[in-house]
């Protein structure tokens, strides 16, 4: 699959200030969801963002919160 330029830019800059220490990204098999891990011990979360048709990211949701696991 060829990614739109806007999405490639999003991967480089991750246009959100929601995450303090983003680390690690992955796409769902259909490339419609972007998963991002955060390496902040105070907020060790994984979020997911829907990828819109134009390549921009939609509103995030917490996929997993591992903060209390450590």
N, C-alpha and C. Protein backbone atom coordinates (compact mmCIF):
# COMPACT_ATOMS: atom_id res chain seq x y z
N UNK A 1 0.84 -1.18 0.00
CA UNK A 1 0.00 0.00 0.00
C UNK A 1 0.88 1.24 0.00
N UNK A 2 0.54 2.19 -0.82
CA UNK A 2 1.26 3.45 -0.85
C UNK A 2 0.58 4.41 0.13
N UNK A 3 1.38 5.01 0.99
CA UNK A 3 0.84 5.93 1.99
C UNK A 3 0.77 7.34 1.44
N UNK A 4 -0.31 8.07 1.79
CA UNK A 4 -0.38 9.47 1.36
C UNK A 4 0.72 10.29 2.04
N UNK A 5 1.21 11.33 1.37
CA UNK A 5 2.28 12.15 1.96
C UNK A 5 1.92 12.71 3.33
N UNK A 6 0.65 13.05 3.55
CA UNK A 6 0.25 13.61 4.85
C UNK A 6 0.47 12.59 5.96
N UNK A 7 0.20 11.31 5.67
CA UNK A 7 0.38 10.29 6.68
C UNK A 7 1.85 10.05 6.95
N UNK A 8 2.67 10.05 5.93
CA UNK A 8 4.11 9.90 6.14
C UNK A 8 4.65 11.03 7.00
N UNK A 9 4.19 12.24 6.77
CA UNK A 9 4.60 13.37 7.59
C UNK A 9 4.12 13.18 9.02
N UNK A 10 2.90 12.67 9.19
CA UNK A 10 2.37 12.42 10.53
C UNK A 10 3.24 11.42 11.27
N UNK A 11 3.75 10.44 10.57
CA UNK A 11 4.59 9.44 11.21
C UNK A 11 5.91 10.03 11.66
N UNK A 12 6.40 10.99 10.93
CA UNK A 12 7.66 11.61 11.29
C UNK A 12 7.47 12.59 12.45
N UNK A 13 6.39 13.36 12.41
CA UNK A 13 6.20 14.41 13.41
C UNK A 13 5.13 14.08 14.45
N UNK A 14 4.30 13.06 14.21
CA UNK A 14 3.18 12.71 15.06
C UNK A 14 2.47 13.97 15.56
N UNK A 15 1.59 14.52 14.74
CA UNK A 15 1.00 15.83 15.02
C UNK A 15 0.03 15.83 16.19
N UNK A 16 0.55 15.56 17.36
CA UNK A 16 -0.25 15.62 18.57
C UNK A 16 0.67 15.93 19.74
N UNK A 17 0.13 16.59 20.71
CA UNK A 17 0.90 16.87 21.92
C UNK A 17 0.37 16.04 23.09
N UNK A 18 -0.43 15.01 22.77
CA UNK A 18 -1.01 14.15 23.78
C UNK A 18 0.01 13.25 24.45
N UNK A 19 1.07 12.92 23.73
CA UNK A 19 2.05 11.97 24.24
C UNK A 19 3.34 12.69 24.60
N UNK A 20 3.86 12.39 25.78
CA UNK A 20 5.06 13.08 26.23
C UNK A 20 6.33 12.42 25.72
N UNK A 21 6.31 11.09 25.55
CA UNK A 21 7.50 10.36 25.10
C UNK A 21 7.08 9.22 24.16
N UNK A 22 6.61 9.57 22.99
CA UNK A 22 6.17 8.54 22.06
C UNK A 22 7.35 7.66 21.66
N UNK A 23 7.06 6.37 21.55
CA UNK A 23 8.11 5.40 21.24
C UNK A 23 7.45 4.16 20.66
N UNK A 24 7.59 3.97 19.40
CA UNK A 24 7.04 2.79 18.76
C UNK A 24 5.70 3.06 18.12
N UNK A 25 5.60 2.70 16.86
CA UNK A 25 4.35 2.86 16.14
C UNK A 25 4.06 1.57 15.38
N UNK A 26 2.79 1.36 15.11
CA UNK A 26 2.37 0.20 14.31
C UNK A 26 1.03 0.53 13.67
N UNK A 27 0.80 -0.10 12.53
CA UNK A 27 -0.48 0.04 11.85
C UNK A 27 -1.27 -1.24 11.98
N UNK A 28 -2.58 -1.12 11.95
CA UNK A 28 -3.44 -2.28 11.85
C UNK A 28 -3.24 -2.88 10.45
N UNK A 29 -3.59 -4.15 10.25
CA UNK A 29 -3.39 -4.77 8.94
C UNK A 29 -4.07 -4.02 7.78
N UNK A 30 -5.19 -3.37 8.06
CA UNK A 30 -5.88 -2.63 6.98
C UNK A 30 -5.40 -1.19 6.86
N UNK A 31 -4.41 -0.79 7.66
CA UNK A 31 -3.81 0.55 7.65
C UNK A 31 -4.79 1.66 8.00
N UNK A 32 -5.87 1.32 8.69
CA UNK A 32 -6.86 2.33 9.06
C UNK A 32 -6.72 2.79 10.51
N UNK A 33 -5.78 2.18 11.24
CA UNK A 33 -5.55 2.55 12.63
C UNK A 33 -4.05 2.61 12.88
N UNK A 34 -3.62 3.68 13.56
CA UNK A 34 -2.22 3.85 13.95
C UNK A 34 -2.13 3.67 15.46
N UNK A 35 -1.26 2.79 15.91
CA UNK A 35 -1.03 2.56 17.33
C UNK A 35 0.30 3.20 17.71
N UNK A 36 0.32 3.90 18.86
CA UNK A 36 1.53 4.57 19.32
C UNK A 36 1.74 4.25 20.80
N UNK A 37 2.94 3.79 21.13
CA UNK A 37 3.30 3.51 22.51
C UNK A 37 4.01 4.73 23.10
N UNK A 38 3.89 4.87 24.39
CA UNK A 38 4.55 5.97 25.10
C UNK A 38 5.47 5.39 26.17
N UNK A 39 6.70 5.88 26.23
CA UNK A 39 7.70 5.39 27.18
C UNK A 39 7.85 6.32 28.38
N UNK A 40 6.77 6.81 28.87
CA UNK A 40 6.79 7.69 30.05
C UNK A 40 6.35 6.85 31.25
N UNK A 41 7.25 6.62 32.22
CA UNK A 41 6.88 5.78 33.37
C UNK A 41 5.67 6.31 34.13
N UNK A 42 5.45 7.61 34.10
CA UNK A 42 4.30 8.20 34.80
C UNK A 42 3.00 8.01 34.03
N UNK A 43 3.09 7.68 32.75
CA UNK A 43 1.91 7.47 31.91
C UNK A 43 2.27 6.49 30.80
N UNK A 44 2.48 5.23 31.18
CA UNK A 44 2.89 4.20 30.22
C UNK A 44 1.65 3.68 29.48
N UNK A 45 1.30 4.38 28.41
CA UNK A 45 0.08 4.05 27.69
C UNK A 45 0.36 3.74 26.23
N UNK A 46 -0.58 3.04 25.62
CA UNK A 46 -0.63 2.87 24.17
C UNK A 46 -1.92 3.51 23.72
N UNK A 47 -1.84 4.32 22.69
CA UNK A 47 -3.03 4.96 22.13
C UNK A 47 -3.22 4.51 20.70
N UNK A 48 -4.44 4.64 20.24
CA UNK A 48 -4.66 4.39 18.82
C UNK A 48 -5.41 5.55 18.22
N UNK A 49 -5.10 5.81 16.96
CA UNK A 49 -5.68 6.91 16.21
C UNK A 49 -6.30 6.34 14.93
N UNK A 50 -7.54 6.68 14.62
CA UNK A 50 -8.05 6.30 13.30
C UNK A 50 -7.34 7.12 12.24
N UNK A 51 -7.01 6.48 11.13
CA UNK A 51 -6.37 7.18 10.01
C UNK A 51 -7.49 7.55 9.03
N UNK A 52 -7.66 8.84 8.82
CA UNK A 52 -8.72 9.32 7.93
C UNK A 52 -8.33 9.11 6.47
N UNK A 53 -9.31 9.22 5.59
CA UNK A 53 -9.10 9.01 4.15
C UNK A 53 -8.03 9.93 3.59
N UNK A 54 -7.91 11.15 4.15
CA UNK A 54 -6.90 12.10 3.65
C UNK A 54 -5.53 11.89 4.28
N UNK A 55 -5.41 10.88 5.15
CA UNK A 55 -4.13 10.58 5.79
C UNK A 55 -3.92 11.25 7.13
N UNK A 56 -4.82 12.14 7.52
CA UNK A 56 -4.69 12.77 8.83
C UNK A 56 -5.18 11.81 9.91
N UNK A 57 -4.89 12.14 11.15
CA UNK A 57 -5.28 11.28 12.26
C UNK A 57 -6.52 11.81 12.94
N UNK A 58 -7.40 10.89 13.32
CA UNK A 58 -8.61 11.26 14.06
C UNK A 58 -8.32 11.31 15.55
N UNK A 59 -9.39 11.41 16.33
CA UNK A 59 -9.28 11.52 17.78
C UNK A 59 -8.74 10.21 18.36
N UNK A 60 -7.78 10.33 19.25
CA UNK A 60 -7.15 9.15 19.85
C UNK A 60 -7.99 8.57 20.97
N UNK A 61 -7.71 7.30 21.26
CA UNK A 61 -8.28 6.62 22.42
C UNK A 61 -7.17 5.80 23.05
N UNK A 62 -7.27 5.59 24.36
CA UNK A 62 -6.29 4.76 25.05
C UNK A 62 -6.60 3.30 24.75
N UNK A 63 -5.61 2.60 24.24
CA UNK A 63 -5.72 1.18 23.92
C UNK A 63 -5.35 0.34 25.14
N UNK A 64 -4.29 0.76 25.84
CA UNK A 64 -3.81 0.04 27.01
C UNK A 64 -3.08 1.02 27.94
N UNK A 65 -3.35 0.89 29.24
CA UNK A 65 -2.65 1.72 30.22
C UNK A 65 -1.86 0.79 31.13
N UNK A 66 -0.55 0.79 30.95
CA UNK A 66 0.32 -0.06 31.75
C UNK A 66 0.98 0.66 32.91
N UNK A 67 0.52 1.85 33.22
CA UNK A 67 1.14 2.65 34.26
C UNK A 67 1.16 1.92 35.60
N UNK A 68 0.06 1.31 35.99
CA UNK A 68 -0.01 0.63 37.28
C UNK A 68 0.64 -0.73 37.26
N UNK A 69 1.05 -1.23 36.06
CA UNK A 69 1.68 -2.55 35.96
C UNK A 69 3.14 -2.53 36.40
N UNK A 70 3.74 -1.35 36.45
CA UNK A 70 5.18 -1.31 36.78
C UNK A 70 5.43 -1.04 38.23
